[in-house]
C-alpha cells in the first residue's frame, strides 16, 4: 500500500492563495486531489497522470493548477482566487497501476478554510 502525506492546508481569506503538497512513498500512475465537506460525498478537484494529462473540476478550472514531480513522487495543488465554497478537507490520492481506475491510496487529508 502506497503511503501519502499531505501538507500545506490552513486558513486564508477569500481571494487568497494556498499551495497543497503531497508526497507518495512510491511511483503512482495517476495522482490527484479530492475534497470533502461534512455531509457530502468526496469530489474530484484535479488529477494528473504520470504523462502529465490533467483533469479539473469545472468549479476550480482557471483558479487551481495541479503539477507533479515524477522523480520525487510528489503532487502539488496551487489554489488561487480561493472562495468560501472551497472550504473542505482536501485529500491526496492516487492509483499506482491504472490511470482510469478509482484511486486506491489516500492521505489523511488537510483542512482548507476560506473565510473573512
PDB file of N, CA and C in Angstrom:
ATOM      1  N   UNK A   1       0.843  -1.194   0.000  1.00  0.00           N
ATOM      2  CA  UNK A   1       0.000   0.000   0.000  1.00  0.00           C
ATOM      3  C   UNK A   1       0.881   1.247   0.000  1.00  0.00           C
ATOM      4  N   UNK A   2       0.621   2.128  -0.949  1.00  0.00           N
ATOM      5  CA  UNK A   2       1.395   3.353  -1.034  1.00  0.00           C
ATOM      6  C   UNK A   2       0.948   4.317   0.059  1.00  0.00           C
ATOM      7  N   UNK A   3       1.898   4.934   0.704  1.00  0.00           N
ATOM      8  CA  UNK A   3       1.601   5.929   1.735  1.00  0.00           C
ATOM      9  C   UNK A   3       1.645   7.319   1.116  1.00  0.00           C
ATOM     10  N   UNK A   4       0.677   8.151   1.520  1.00  0.00           N
ATOM     11  CA  UNK A   4       0.602   9.520   1.004  1.00  0.00           C
ATOM     12  C   UNK A   4       0.496  10.479   2.176  1.00  0.00           C
ATOM     13  N   UNK A   5       1.269  11.552   2.131  1.00  0.00           N
ATOM     14  CA  UNK A   5       1.269  12.538   3.205  1.00  0.00           C
ATOM     15  C   UNK A   5       1.074  13.923   2.607  1.00  0.00           C
ATOM     16  N   UNK A   6      -0.008  14.594   3.072  1.00  0.00           N
ATOM     17  CA  UNK A   6      -0.304  15.936   2.580  1.00  0.00           C
ATOM     18  C   UNK A   6       0.272  17.001   3.512  1.00  0.00           C
ATOM     19  N   UNK A   7       0.465  18.170   2.951  1.00  0.00           N
ATOM     20  CA  UNK A   7       0.866  19.325   3.752  1.00  0.00           C
ATOM     21  C   UNK A   7       0.395  20.590   3.045  1.00  0.00           C
ATOM     22  N   UNK A   8       0.311  21.675   3.807  1.00  0.00           N
ATOM     23  CA  UNK A   8       0.047  22.966   3.194  1.00  0.00           C
ATOM     24  C   UNK A   8      -1.338  23.544   3.403  1.00  0.00           C
ATOM     25  N   UNK A   9      -2.206  22.833   4.100  1.00  0.00           N
ATOM     26  CA  UNK A   9      -3.532  23.387   4.341  1.00  0.00           C
ATOM     27  C   UNK A   9      -3.475  24.533   5.335  1.00  0.00           C
ATOM     28  N   UNK A  10      -4.636  25.129   5.575  1.00  0.00           N
ATOM     29  CA  UNK A  10      -4.691  26.223   6.537  1.00  0.00           C
ATOM     30  C   UNK A  10      -5.854  27.145   6.268  1.00  0.00           C
ATOM     31  N   UNK A  11      -5.745  28.335   6.837  1.00  0.00           N
ATOM     32  CA  UNK A  11      -6.789  29.355   6.703  1.00  0.00           C
ATOM     33  C   UNK A  11      -6.300  30.458   5.776  1.00  0.00           C
ATOM     34  N   UNK A  12      -7.226  30.946   4.949  1.00  0.00           N
ATOM     35  CA  UNK A  12      -6.895  32.042   4.048  1.00  0.00           C
ATOM     36  C   UNK A  12      -8.151  32.862   3.810  1.00  0.00           C
ATOM     37  N   UNK A  13      -7.973  34.136   3.564  1.00  0.00           N
ATOM     38  CA  UNK A  13      -9.116  34.996   3.257  1.00  0.00           C
ATOM     39  C   UNK A  13      -9.575  34.797   1.822  1.00  0.00           C
ATOM     40  N   UNK A  14     -10.839  35.100   1.535  1.00  0.00           N
ATOM     41  CA  UNK A  14     -11.320  34.997   0.154  1.00  0.00           C
ATOM     42  C   UNK A  14     -10.442  35.811  -0.793  1.00  0.00           C
ATOM     43  N   UNK A  15     -10.154  35.206  -1.944  1.00  0.00           N
ATOM     44  CA  UNK A  15      -9.263  35.833  -2.903  1.00  0.00           C
ATOM     45  C   UNK A  15      -7.810  35.471  -2.724  1.00  0.00           C
ATOM     46  N   UNK A  16      -7.502  34.806  -1.631  1.00  0.00           N
ATOM     47  CA  UNK A  16      -6.121  34.432  -1.346  1.00  0.00           C
ATOM     48  C   UNK A  16      -5.705  33.151  -2.030  1.00  0.00           C
ATOM     49  N   UNK A  17      -4.480  32.725  -1.706  1.00  0.00           N
ATOM     50  CA  UNK A  17      -3.894  31.538  -2.337  1.00  0.00           C
ATOM     51  C   UNK A  17      -3.329  30.598  -1.282  1.00  0.00           C
ATOM     52  N   UNK A  18      -3.324  29.331  -1.625  1.00  0.00           N
ATOM     53  CA  UNK A  18      -2.669  28.301  -0.827  1.00  0.00           C
ATOM     54  C   UNK A  18      -2.073  27.284  -1.778  1.00  0.00           C
ATOM     55  N   UNK A  19      -1.037  26.613  -1.300  1.00  0.00           N
ATOM     56  CA  UNK A  19      -0.438  25.537  -2.084  1.00  0.00           C
ATOM     57  C   UNK A  19      -0.417  24.283  -1.253  1.00  0.00           C
ATOM     58  N   UNK A  20      -1.018  23.230  -1.758  1.00  0.00           N
ATOM     59  CA  UNK A  20      -1.007  21.925  -1.102  1.00  0.00           C
ATOM     60  C   UNK A  20       0.052  21.047  -1.752  1.00  0.00           C
ATOM     61  N   UNK A  21       0.698  20.257  -0.928  1.00  0.00           N
ATOM     62  CA  UNK A  21       1.702  19.320  -1.427  1.00  0.00           C
ATOM     63  C   UNK A  21       1.413  17.936  -0.891  1.00  0.00           C
ATOM     64  N   UNK A  22       1.811  16.951  -1.661  1.00  0.00           N
ATOM     65  CA  UNK A  22       1.596  15.561  -1.261  1.00  0.00           C
ATOM     66  C   UNK A  22       2.798  14.742  -1.705  1.00  0.00           C
ATOM     67  N   UNK A  23       3.301  13.939  -0.786  1.00  0.00           N
ATOM     68  CA  UNK A  23       4.420  13.068  -1.098  1.00  0.00           C
ATOM     69  C   UNK A  23       3.993  11.617  -0.976  1.00  0.00           C
ATOM     70  N   UNK A  24       4.268  10.835  -2.006  1.00  0.00           N
ATOM     71  CA  UNK A  24       3.940   9.409  -2.007  1.00  0.00           C
ATOM     72  C   UNK A  24       5.196   8.584  -1.729  1.00  0.00           C
ATOM     73  N   UNK A  25       4.985   7.369  -1.268  1.00  0.00           N
ATOM     74  CA  UNK A  25       6.120   6.501  -0.949  1.00  0.00           C
ATOM     75  C   UNK A  25       6.583   5.692  -2.152  1.00  0.00           C
ATOM     76  N   UNK A  26       5.841   5.793  -3.269  1.00  0.00           N
ATOM     77  CA  UNK A  26       6.211   5.071  -4.479  1.00  0.00           C
ATOM     78  C   UNK A  26       5.608   5.783  -5.684  1.00  0.00           C
ATOM     79  N   UNK A  27       6.034   5.377  -6.846  1.00  0.00           N
ATOM     80  CA  UNK A  27       5.509   5.980  -8.072  1.00  0.00           C
ATOM     81  C   UNK A  27       4.030   5.640  -8.253  1.00  0.00           C
ATOM     82  N   UNK A  28       3.265   6.617  -8.718  1.00  0.00           N
ATOM     83  CA  UNK A  28       1.836   6.446  -8.926  1.00  0.00           C
ATOM     84  C   UNK A  28       1.502   6.782 -10.366  1.00  0.00           C
ATOM     85  N   UNK A  29       0.706   5.924 -11.003  1.00  0.00           N
ATOM     86  CA  UNK A  29       0.315   6.177 -12.383  1.00  0.00           C
ATOM     87  C   UNK A  29      -0.505   7.459 -12.497  1.00  0.00           C
ATOM     88  N   UNK A  30      -1.412   7.659 -11.579  1.00  0.00           N
ATOM     89  CA  UNK A  30      -2.200   8.874 -11.537  1.00  0.00           C
ATOM     90  C   UNK A  30      -2.272   9.357 -10.096  1.00  0.00           C
ATOM     91  N   UNK A  31      -2.189  10.662  -9.930  1.00  0.00           N
ATOM     92  CA  UNK A  31      -2.295  11.276  -8.604  1.00  0.00           C
ATOM     93  C   UNK A  31      -3.263  12.441  -8.699  1.00  0.00           C
ATOM     94  N   UNK A  32      -3.811  12.815  -7.567  1.00  0.00           N
ATOM     95  CA  UNK A  32      -4.733  13.943  -7.629  1.00  0.00           C
ATOM     96  C   UNK A  32      -5.229  14.347  -6.269  1.00  0.00           C
ATOM     97  N   UNK A  33      -6.164  15.274  -6.305  1.00  0.00           N
ATOM     98  CA  UNK A  33      -6.754  15.830  -5.103  1.00  0.00           C
ATOM     99  C   UNK A  33      -8.273  15.749  -5.183  1.00  0.00           C
ATOM    100  N   UNK A  34      -8.846  15.276  -4.078  1.00  0.00           N
ATOM    101  CA  UNK A  34     -10.278  15.317  -3.879  1.00  0.00           C
ATOM    102  C   UNK A  34     -10.542  16.202  -2.660  1.00  0.00           C
ATOM    103  N   UNK A  35     -11.785  16.618  -2.491  1.00  0.00           N
ATOM    104  CA  UNK A  35     -12.147  17.358  -1.291  1.00  0.00           C
ATOM    105  C   UNK A  35     -13.522  16.920  -0.798  1.00  0.00           C
ATOM    106  N   UNK A  36     -13.729  17.157   0.486  1.00  0.00           N
ATOM    107  CA  UNK A  36     -14.973  16.709   1.102  1.00  0.00           C
ATOM    108  C   UNK A  36     -15.382  17.684   2.191  1.00  0.00           C
ATOM    109  N   UNK A  37     -16.682  18.003   2.195  1.00  0.00           N
ATOM    110  CA  UNK A  37     -17.259  18.783   3.286  1.00  0.00           C
ATOM    111  C   UNK A  37     -18.228  17.878   4.032  1.00  0.00           C
ATOM    112  N   UNK A  38     -18.492  18.156   5.291  1.00  0.00           N
ATOM    113  CA  UNK A  38     -19.385  17.296   6.072  1.00  0.00           C
ATOM    114  C   UNK A  38     -20.742  17.130   5.403  1.00  0.00           C
ATOM    115  N   UNK A  39     -21.190  15.880   5.336  1.00  0.00           N
ATOM    116  CA  UNK A  39     -22.498  15.594   4.784  1.00  0.00           C
ATOM    117  C   UNK A  39     -22.543  15.448   3.273  1.00  0.00           C
ATOM    118  N   UNK A  40     -21.387  15.615   2.637  1.00  0.00           N
ATOM    119  CA  UNK A  40     -21.349  15.489   1.180  1.00  0.00           C
ATOM    120  C   UNK A  40     -20.318  14.453   0.766  1.00  0.00           C
ATOM    121  N   UNK A  41     -20.475  13.973  -0.461  1.00  0.00           N
ATOM    122  CA  UNK A  41     -19.529  12.996  -0.990  1.00  0.00           C
ATOM    123  C   UNK A  41     -18.205  13.678  -1.330  1.00  0.00           C
ATOM    124  N   UNK A  42     -17.163  12.882  -1.276  1.00  0.00           N
ATOM    125  CA  UNK A  42     -15.852  13.362  -1.697  1.00  0.00           C
ATOM    126  C   UNK A  42     -15.913  13.637  -3.196  1.00  0.00           C
ATOM    127  N   UNK A  43     -15.379  14.774  -3.616  1.00  0.00           N
ATOM    128  CA  UNK A  43     -15.458  15.146  -5.031  1.00  0.00           C
ATOM    129  C   UNK A  43     -14.065  15.424  -5.592  1.00  0.00           C
ATOM    130  N   UNK A  44     -13.928  15.117  -6.873  1.00  0.00           N
ATOM    131  CA  UNK A  44     -12.654  15.362  -7.543  1.00  0.00           C
ATOM    132  C   UNK A  44     -12.397  16.862  -7.660  1.00  0.00           C
ATOM    133  N   UNK A  45     -11.170  17.250  -7.354  1.00  0.00           N
ATOM    134  CA  UNK A  45     -10.723  18.615  -7.579  1.00  0.00           C
ATOM    135  C   UNK A  45      -9.861  18.654  -8.841  1.00  0.00           C
ATOM    136  N   UNK A  46      -8.835  17.825  -8.856  1.00  0.00           N
ATOM    137  CA  UNK A  46      -7.940  17.767 -10.004  1.00  0.00           C
ATOM    138  C   UNK A  46      -7.142  16.479  -9.946  1.00  0.00           C
ATOM    139  N   UNK A  47      -6.761  15.993 -11.122  1.00  0.00           N
ATOM    140  CA  UNK A  47      -5.936  14.817 -11.202  1.00  0.00           C
ATOM    141  C   UNK A  47      -4.934  14.974 -12.328  1.00  0.00           C
ATOM    142  N   UNK A  48      -3.826  14.226 -12.223  1.00  0.00           N
ATOM    143  CA  UNK A  48      -2.783  14.327 -13.233  1.00  0.00           C
ATOM    144  C   UNK A  48      -2.149  12.953 -13.413  1.00  0.00           C
ATOM    145  N   UNK A  49      -1.995  12.561 -14.656  1.00  0.00           N
ATOM    146  CA  UNK A  49      -1.376  11.271 -14.939  1.00  0.00           C
ATOM    147  C   UNK A  49       0.138  11.392 -14.935  1.00  0.00           C
ATOM    148  N   UNK A  50       0.800  10.257 -14.959  1.00  0.00           N
ATOM    149  CA  UNK A  50       2.254  10.259 -14.972  1.00  0.00           C
ATOM    150  C   UNK A  50       2.796  10.906 -16.245  1.00  0.00           C
ATOM    151  N   UNK A  51       1.973  10.934 -17.291  1.00  0.00           N
ATOM    152  CA  UNK A  51       2.351  11.582 -18.538  1.00  0.00           C
ATOM    153  C   UNK A  51       2.046  13.065 -18.573  1.00  0.00           C
ATOM    154  N   UNK A  52       1.370  13.562 -17.531  1.00  0.00           N
ATOM    155  CA  UNK A  52       1.100  14.986 -17.435  1.00  0.00           C
ATOM    156  C   UNK A  52      -0.286  15.429 -17.875  1.00  0.00           C
ATOM    157  N   UNK A  53      -1.151  14.487 -18.213  1.00  0.00           N
ATOM    158  CA  UNK A  53      -2.516  14.862 -18.595  1.00  0.00           C
ATOM    159  C   UNK A  53      -3.303  15.245 -17.348  1.00  0.00           C
ATOM    160  N   UNK A  54      -3.938  16.415 -17.414  1.00  0.00           N
ATOM    161  CA  UNK A  54      -4.656  16.929 -16.251  1.00  0.00           C
ATOM    162  C   UNK A  54      -6.160  16.971 -16.493  1.00  0.00           C
ATOM    163  N   UNK A  55      -6.883  16.868 -15.380  1.00  0.00           N
ATOM    164  CA  UNK A  55      -8.332  16.998 -15.382  1.00  0.00           C
ATOM    165  C   UNK A  55      -8.709  17.851 -14.183  1.00  0.00           C
ATOM    166  N   UNK A  56      -9.615  18.807 -14.401  1.00  0.00           N
ATOM    167  CA  UNK A  56     -10.048  19.680 -13.321  1.00  0.00           C
ATOM    168  C   UNK A  56     -11.567  19.654 -13.182  1.00  0.00           C
ATOM    169  N   UNK A  57     -12.026  19.827 -11.954  1.00  0.00           N
ATOM    170  CA  UNK A  57     -13.448  20.069 -11.742  1.00  0.00           C
ATOM    171  C   UNK A  57     -13.790  21.427 -12.335  1.00  0.00           C
ATOM    172  N   UNK A  58     -14.979  21.562 -12.934  1.00  0.00           N
ATOM    173  CA  UNK A  58     -15.356  22.854 -13.535  1.00  0.00           C
ATOM    174  C   UNK A  58     -15.273  24.010 -12.544  1.00  0.00           C
ATOM    175  N   UNK A  59     -15.546  23.740 -11.288  1.00  0.00           N
ATOM    176  CA  UNK A  59     -15.587  24.818 -10.293  1.00  0.00           C
ATOM    177  C   UNK A  59     -14.214  25.381  -9.965  1.00  0.00           C
ATOM    178  N   UNK A  60     -13.148  24.668 -10.313  1.00  0.00           N
ATOM    179  CA  UNK A  60     -11.808  25.149  -9.969  1.00  0.00           C
ATOM    180  C   UNK A  60     -10.969  25.473 -11.200  1.00  0.00           C
ATOM    181  N   UNK A  61     -11.464  25.141 -12.374  1.00  0.00           N
ATOM    182  CA  UNK A  61     -10.702  25.361 -13.597  1.00  0.00           C
ATOM    183  C   UNK A  61     -10.394  26.851 -13.753  1.00  0.00           C
ATOM    184  N   UNK A  62      -9.143  27.125 -14.050  1.00  0.00           N
ATOM    185  CA  UNK A  62      -8.715  28.514 -14.193  1.00  0.00           C
ATOM    186  C   UNK A  62      -8.226  29.134 -12.901  1.00  0.00           C
ATOM    187  N   UNK A  63      -8.516  28.502 -11.778  1.00  0.00           N
ATOM    188  CA  UNK A  63      -8.061  29.019 -10.472  1.00  0.00           C
ATOM    189  C   UNK A  63      -7.024  28.098  -9.842  1.00  0.00           C
ATOM    190  N   UNK A  64      -7.172  26.788 -10.046  1.00  0.00           N
ATOM    191  CA  UNK A  64      -6.261  25.819  -9.445  1.00  0.00           C
ATOM    192  C   UNK A  64      -5.361  25.216 -10.521  1.00  0.00           C
ATOM    193  N   UNK A  65      -4.153  24.874 -10.117  1.00  0.00           N
ATOM    194  CA  UNK A  65      -3.219  24.221 -11.026  1.00  0.00           C
ATOM    195  C   UNK A  65      -2.579  23.034 -10.327  1.00  0.00           C
ATOM    196  N   UNK A  66      -2.671  21.876 -10.954  1.00  0.00           N
ATOM    197  CA  UNK A  66      -2.054  20.678 -10.404  1.00  0.00           C
ATOM    198  C   UNK A  66      -0.758  20.403 -11.155  1.00  0.00           C
ATOM    199  N   UNK A  67       0.241  19.930 -10.421  1.00  0.00           N
ATOM    200  CA  UNK A  67       1.516  19.590 -11.031  1.00  0.00           C
ATOM    201  C   UNK A  67       2.129  18.430 -10.254  1.00  0.00           C
ATOM    202  N   UNK A  68       3.074  17.765 -10.872  1.00  0.00           N
ATOM    203  CA  UNK A  68       3.720  16.643 -10.181  1.00  0.00           C
ATOM    204  C   UNK A  68       5.178  16.559 -10.564  1.00  0.00           C
ATOM    205  N   UNK A  69       5.928  15.917  -9.695  1.00  0.00           N
ATOM    206  CA  UNK A  69       7.339  15.629  -9.941  1.00  0.00           C
ATOM    207  C   UNK A  69       7.481  14.119  -9.893  1.00  0.00           C
ATOM    208  N   UNK A  70       7.597  13.497 -11.046  1.00  0.00           N
ATOM    209  CA  UNK A  70       7.635  12.038 -11.109  1.00  0.00           C
ATOM    210  C   UNK A  70       8.867  11.460 -10.416  1.00  0.00           C
ATOM    211  N   UNK A  71       9.954  12.196 -10.429  1.00  0.00           N
ATOM    212  CA  UNK A  71      11.180  11.699  -9.799  1.00  0.00           C
ATOM    213  C   UNK A  71      11.072  11.696  -8.281  1.00  0.00           C
ATOM    214  N   UNK A  72      10.274  12.615  -7.734  1.00  0.00           N
ATOM    215  CA  UNK A  72      10.135  12.737  -6.278  1.00  0.00           C
ATOM    216  C   UNK A  72       8.836  12.147  -5.758  1.00  0.00           C
ATOM    217  N   UNK A  73       7.990  11.638  -6.625  1.00  0.00           N
ATOM    218  CA  UNK A  73       6.691  11.062  -6.257  1.00  0.00           C
ATOM    219  C   UNK A  73       5.817  12.094  -5.541  1.00  0.00           C
ATOM    220  N   UNK A  74       5.824  13.313  -5.994  1.00  0.00           N
ATOM    221  CA  UNK A  74       5.040  14.351  -5.354  1.00  0.00           C
ATOM    222  C   UNK A  74       4.015  14.952  -6.312  1.00  0.00           C
ATOM    223  N   UNK A  75       2.954  15.476  -5.724  1.00  0.00           N
ATOM    224  CA  UNK A  75       1.952  16.204  -6.490  1.00  0.00           C
ATOM    225  C   UNK A  75       1.570  17.441  -5.695  1.00  0.00           C
ATOM    226  N   UNK A  76       1.450  18.554  -6.371  1.00  0.00           N
ATOM    227  CA  UNK A  76       1.099  19.816  -5.736  1.00  0.00           C
ATOM    228  C   UNK A  76      -0.196  20.361  -6.327  1.00  0.00           C
ATOM    229  N   UNK A  77      -0.871  21.174  -5.532  1.00  0.00           N
ATOM    230  CA  UNK A  77      -2.076  21.853  -5.993  1.00  0.00           C
ATOM    231  C   UNK A  77      -1.948  23.321  -5.614  1.00  0.00           C
ATOM    232  N   UNK A  78      -1.764  24.176  -6.599  1.00  0.00           N
ATOM    233  CA  UNK A  78      -1.728  25.610  -6.381  1.00  0.00           C
ATOM    234  C   UNK A  78      -3.147  26.143  -6.501  1.00  0.00           C
ATOM    235  N   UNK A  79      -3.624  26.751  -5.423  1.00  0.00           N
ATOM    236  CA  UNK A  79      -5.006  27.228  -5.387  1.00  0.00           C
ATOM    237  C   UNK A  79      -5.002  28.746  -5.284  1.00  0.00           C
ATOM    238  N   UNK A  80      -5.524  29.399  -6.298  1.00  0.00           N
ATOM    239  CA  UNK A  80      -5.614  30.848  -6.332  1.00  0.00           C
ATOM    240  C   UNK A  80      -7.074  31.298  -6.329  1.00  0.00           C
ATOM    241  N   UNK A  81      -7.281  32.560  -6.025  1.00  0.00           N
ATOM    242  CA  UNK A  81      -8.637  33.136  -6.011  1.00  0.00           C
ATOM    243  C   UNK A  81      -9.594  32.267  -5.210  1.00  0.00           C
ATOM    244  N   UNK A  82      -9.158  31.882  -4.029  1.00  0.00           N
ATOM    245  CA  UNK A  82      -9.954  30.973  -3.213  1.00  0.00           C
ATOM    246  C   UNK A  82     -11.247  31.631  -2.765  1.00  0.00           C
ATOM    247  N   UNK A  83     -12.286  30.814  -2.696  1.00  0.00           N
ATOM    248  CA  UNK A  83     -13.614  31.259  -2.310  1.00  0.00           C
ATOM    249  C   UNK A  83     -14.072  30.452  -1.109  1.00  0.00           C
ATOM    250  N   UNK A  84     -15.087  30.971  -0.423  1.00  0.00           N
ATOM    251  CA  UNK A  84     -15.616  30.258   0.749  1.00  0.00           C
ATOM    252  C   UNK A  84     -16.058  28.844   0.368  1.00  0.00           C
ATOM    253  N   UNK A  85     -16.539  28.689  -0.853  1.00  0.00           N
ATOM    254  CA  UNK A  85     -17.016  27.378  -1.307  1.00  0.00           C
ATOM    255  C   UNK A  85     -15.889  26.363  -1.457  1.00  0.00           C
ATOM    256  N   UNK A  86     -14.658  26.808  -1.413  1.00  0.00           N
ATOM    257  CA  UNK A  86     -13.518  25.895  -1.500  1.00  0.00           C
ATOM    258  C   UNK A  86     -13.146  25.307  -0.132  1.00  0.00           C
ATOM    259  N   UNK A  87     -13.797  25.776   0.910  1.00  0.00           N
ATOM    260  CA  UNK A  87     -13.530  25.246   2.237  1.00  0.00           C
ATOM    261  C   UNK A  87     -13.888  23.764   2.292  1.00  0.00           C
ATOM    262  N   UNK A  88     -12.937  22.944   2.698  1.00  0.00           N
ATOM    263  CA  UNK A  88     -13.140  21.499   2.727  1.00  0.00           C
ATOM    264  C   UNK A  88     -11.884  20.838   3.286  1.00  0.00           C
ATOM    265  N   UNK A  89     -12.002  19.557   3.528  1.00  0.00           N
ATOM    266  CA  UNK A  89     -10.805  18.753   3.778  1.00  0.00           C
ATOM    267  C   UNK A  89     -10.331  18.235   2.419  1.00  0.00           C
ATOM    268  N   UNK A  90      -9.087  18.477   2.108  1.00  0.00           N
ATOM    269  CA  UNK A  90      -8.513  18.078   0.832  1.00  0.00           C
ATOM    270  C   UNK A  90      -7.684  16.813   1.017  1.00  0.00           C
ATOM    271  N   UNK A  91      -7.968  15.833   0.187  1.00  0.00           N
ATOM    272  CA  UNK A  91      -7.288  14.543   0.256  1.00  0.00           C
ATOM    273  C   UNK A  91      -6.451  14.314  -0.995  1.00  0.00           C
ATOM    274  N   UNK A  92      -5.234  13.916  -0.768  1.00  0.00           N
ATOM    275  CA  UNK A  92      -4.373  13.484  -1.862  1.00  0.00           C
ATOM    276  C   UNK A  92      -4.601  11.994  -2.081  1.00  0.00           C
ATOM    277  N   UNK A  93      -4.650  11.596  -3.325  1.00  0.00           N
ATOM    278  CA  UNK A  93      -4.853  10.186  -3.617  1.00  0.00           C
ATOM    279  C   UNK A  93      -4.211   9.798  -4.929  1.00  0.00           C
ATOM    280  N   UNK A  94      -4.309   8.520  -5.216  1.00  0.00           N
ATOM    281  CA  UNK A  94      -3.759   8.056  -6.480  1.00  0.00           C
ATOM    282  C   UNK A  94      -3.975   6.580  -6.705  1.00  0.00           C
ATOM    283  N   UNK A  95      -3.581   6.166  -7.893  1.00  0.00           N
ATOM    284  CA  UNK A  95      -3.621   4.753  -8.244  1.00  0.00           C
ATOM    285  C   UNK A  95      -2.262   4.395  -8.823  1.00  0.00           C
ATOM    286  N   UNK A  96      -1.668   3.363  -8.243  1.00  0.00           N
ATOM    287  CA  UNK A  96      -0.295   3.039  -8.597  1.00  0.00           C
ATOM    288  C   UNK A  96      -0.184   2.449  -9.995  1.00  0.00           C
ATOM    289  N   UNK A  97      -1.215   1.709 -10.431  1.00  0.00           N
ATOM    290  CA  UNK A  97      -1.079   0.921 -11.649  1.00  0.00           C
ATOM    291  C   UNK A  97      -2.003   1.348 -12.787  1.00  0.00           C
ATOM    292  N   UNK A  98      -3.107   2.007 -12.474  1.00  0.00           N
ATOM    293  CA  UNK A  98      -4.091   2.304 -13.502  1.00  0.00           C
ATOM    294  C   UNK A  98      -4.393   3.791 -13.561  1.00  0.00           C
ATOM    295  N   UNK A  99      -4.506   4.290 -14.797  1.00  0.00           N
ATOM    296  CA  UNK A  99      -4.868   5.684 -14.996  1.00  0.00           C
ATOM    297  C   UNK A  99      -6.353   5.924 -14.793  1.00  0.00           C
ATOM    298  N   UNK A 100      -7.166   4.919 -15.110  1.00  0.00           N
ATOM    299  CA  UNK A 100      -8.616   5.131 -15.165  1.00  0.00           C
ATOM    300  C   UNK A 100      -9.372   4.536 -13.981  1.00  0.00           C
ATOM    301  N   UNK A 101      -8.758   3.649 -13.255  1.00  0.00           N
ATOM    302  CA  UNK A 101      -9.432   3.032 -12.124  1.00  0.00           C
ATOM    303  C   UNK A 101      -9.529   4.027 -10.971  1.00  0.00           C
ATOM    304  N   UNK A 102     -10.455   3.800 -10.045  1.00  0.00           N
ATOM    305  CA  UNK A 102     -10.561   4.686  -8.880  1.00  0.00           C
ATOM    306  C   UNK A 102      -9.272   4.727  -8.078  1.00  0.00           C
ATOM    307  N   UNK A 103      -9.073   5.828  -7.392  1.00  0.00           N
ATOM    308  CA  UNK A 103      -7.912   5.929  -6.520  1.00  0.00           C
ATOM    309  C   UNK A 103      -7.982   4.858  -5.444  1.00  0.00           C
ATOM    310  N   UNK A 104      -6.833   4.254  -5.170  1.00  0.00           N
ATOM    311  CA  UNK A 104      -6.787   3.192  -4.157  1.00  0.00           C
ATOM    312  C   UNK A 104      -6.022   3.610  -2.918  1.00  0.00           C
ATOM    313  N   UNK A 105      -5.197   4.614  -3.051  1.00  0.00           N
ATOM    314  CA  UNK A 105      -4.382   5.063  -1.929  1.00  0.00           C
ATOM    315  C   UNK A 105      -4.774   6.501  -1.594  1.00  0.00           C
ATOM    316  N   UNK A 106      -4.828   6.780  -0.291  1.00  0.00           N
ATOM    317  CA  UNK A 106      -5.260   8.107   0.157  1.00  0.00           C
ATOM    318  C   UNK A 106      -4.399   8.586   1.312  1.00  0.00           C
ATOM    319  N   UNK A 107      -4.241   9.914   1.356  1.00  0.00           N
ATOM    320  CA  UNK A 107      -3.651  10.516   2.535  1.00  0.00           C
ATOM    321  C   UNK A 107      -4.720  10.753   3.583  1.00  0.00           C
ATOM    322  N   UNK A 108      -4.301  11.344   4.701  1.00  0.00           N
ATOM    323  CA  UNK A 108      -5.232  11.570   5.801  1.00  0.00           C
ATOM    324  C   UNK A 108      -6.073  12.826   5.611  1.00  0.00           C
ATOM    325  N   UNK A 109      -5.654  13.685   4.726  1.00  0.00           N
ATOM    326  CA  UNK A 109      -6.402  14.905   4.477  1.00  0.00           C
ATOM    327  C   UNK A 109      -5.806  16.112   5.168  1.00  0.00           C
ATOM    328  N   UNK A 110      -6.053  17.274   4.580  1.00  0.00           N
ATOM    329  CA  UNK A 110      -5.606  18.532   5.170  1.00  0.00           C
ATOM    330  C   UNK A 110      -6.727  19.555   5.022  1.00  0.00           C
ATOM    331  N   UNK A 111      -6.985  20.266   6.104  1.00  0.00           N
ATOM    332  CA  UNK A 111      -8.110  21.212   6.120  1.00  0.00           C
ATOM    333  C   UNK A 111      -7.722  22.512   5.412  1.00  0.00           C
ATOM    334  N   UNK A 112      -8.629  22.969   4.546  1.00  0.00           N
ATOM    335  CA  UNK A 112      -8.505  24.284   3.919  1.00  0.00           C
ATOM    336  C   UNK A 112      -9.745  25.082   4.301  1.00  0.00           C
ATOM    337  N   UNK A 113      -9.529  26.220   4.915  1.00  0.00           N
ATOM    338  CA  UNK A 113     -10.634  27.080   5.340  1.00  0.00           C
ATOM    339  C   UNK A 113     -10.471  28.442   4.691  1.00  0.00           C
ATOM    340  N   UNK A 114     -11.518  28.877   3.985  1.00  0.00           N
ATOM    341  CA  UNK A 114     -11.517  30.182   3.323  1.00  0.00           C
ATOM    342  C   UNK A 114     -12.620  31.022   3.959  1.00  0.00           C
ATOM    343  N   UNK A 115     -12.215  32.033   4.683  1.00  0.00           N
ATOM    344  CA  UNK A 115     -13.206  32.887   5.342  1.00  0.00           C
ATOM    345  C   UNK A 115     -12.592  34.235   5.655  1.00  0.00           C
ATOM    346  N   UNK A 116     -13.481  35.196   5.847  1.00  0.00           N
ATOM    347  CA  UNK A 116     -13.001  36.535   6.197  1.00  0.00           C
ATOM    348  C   UNK A 116     -12.779  36.635   7.696  1.00  0.00           C
TER     349      UNK A 116
END
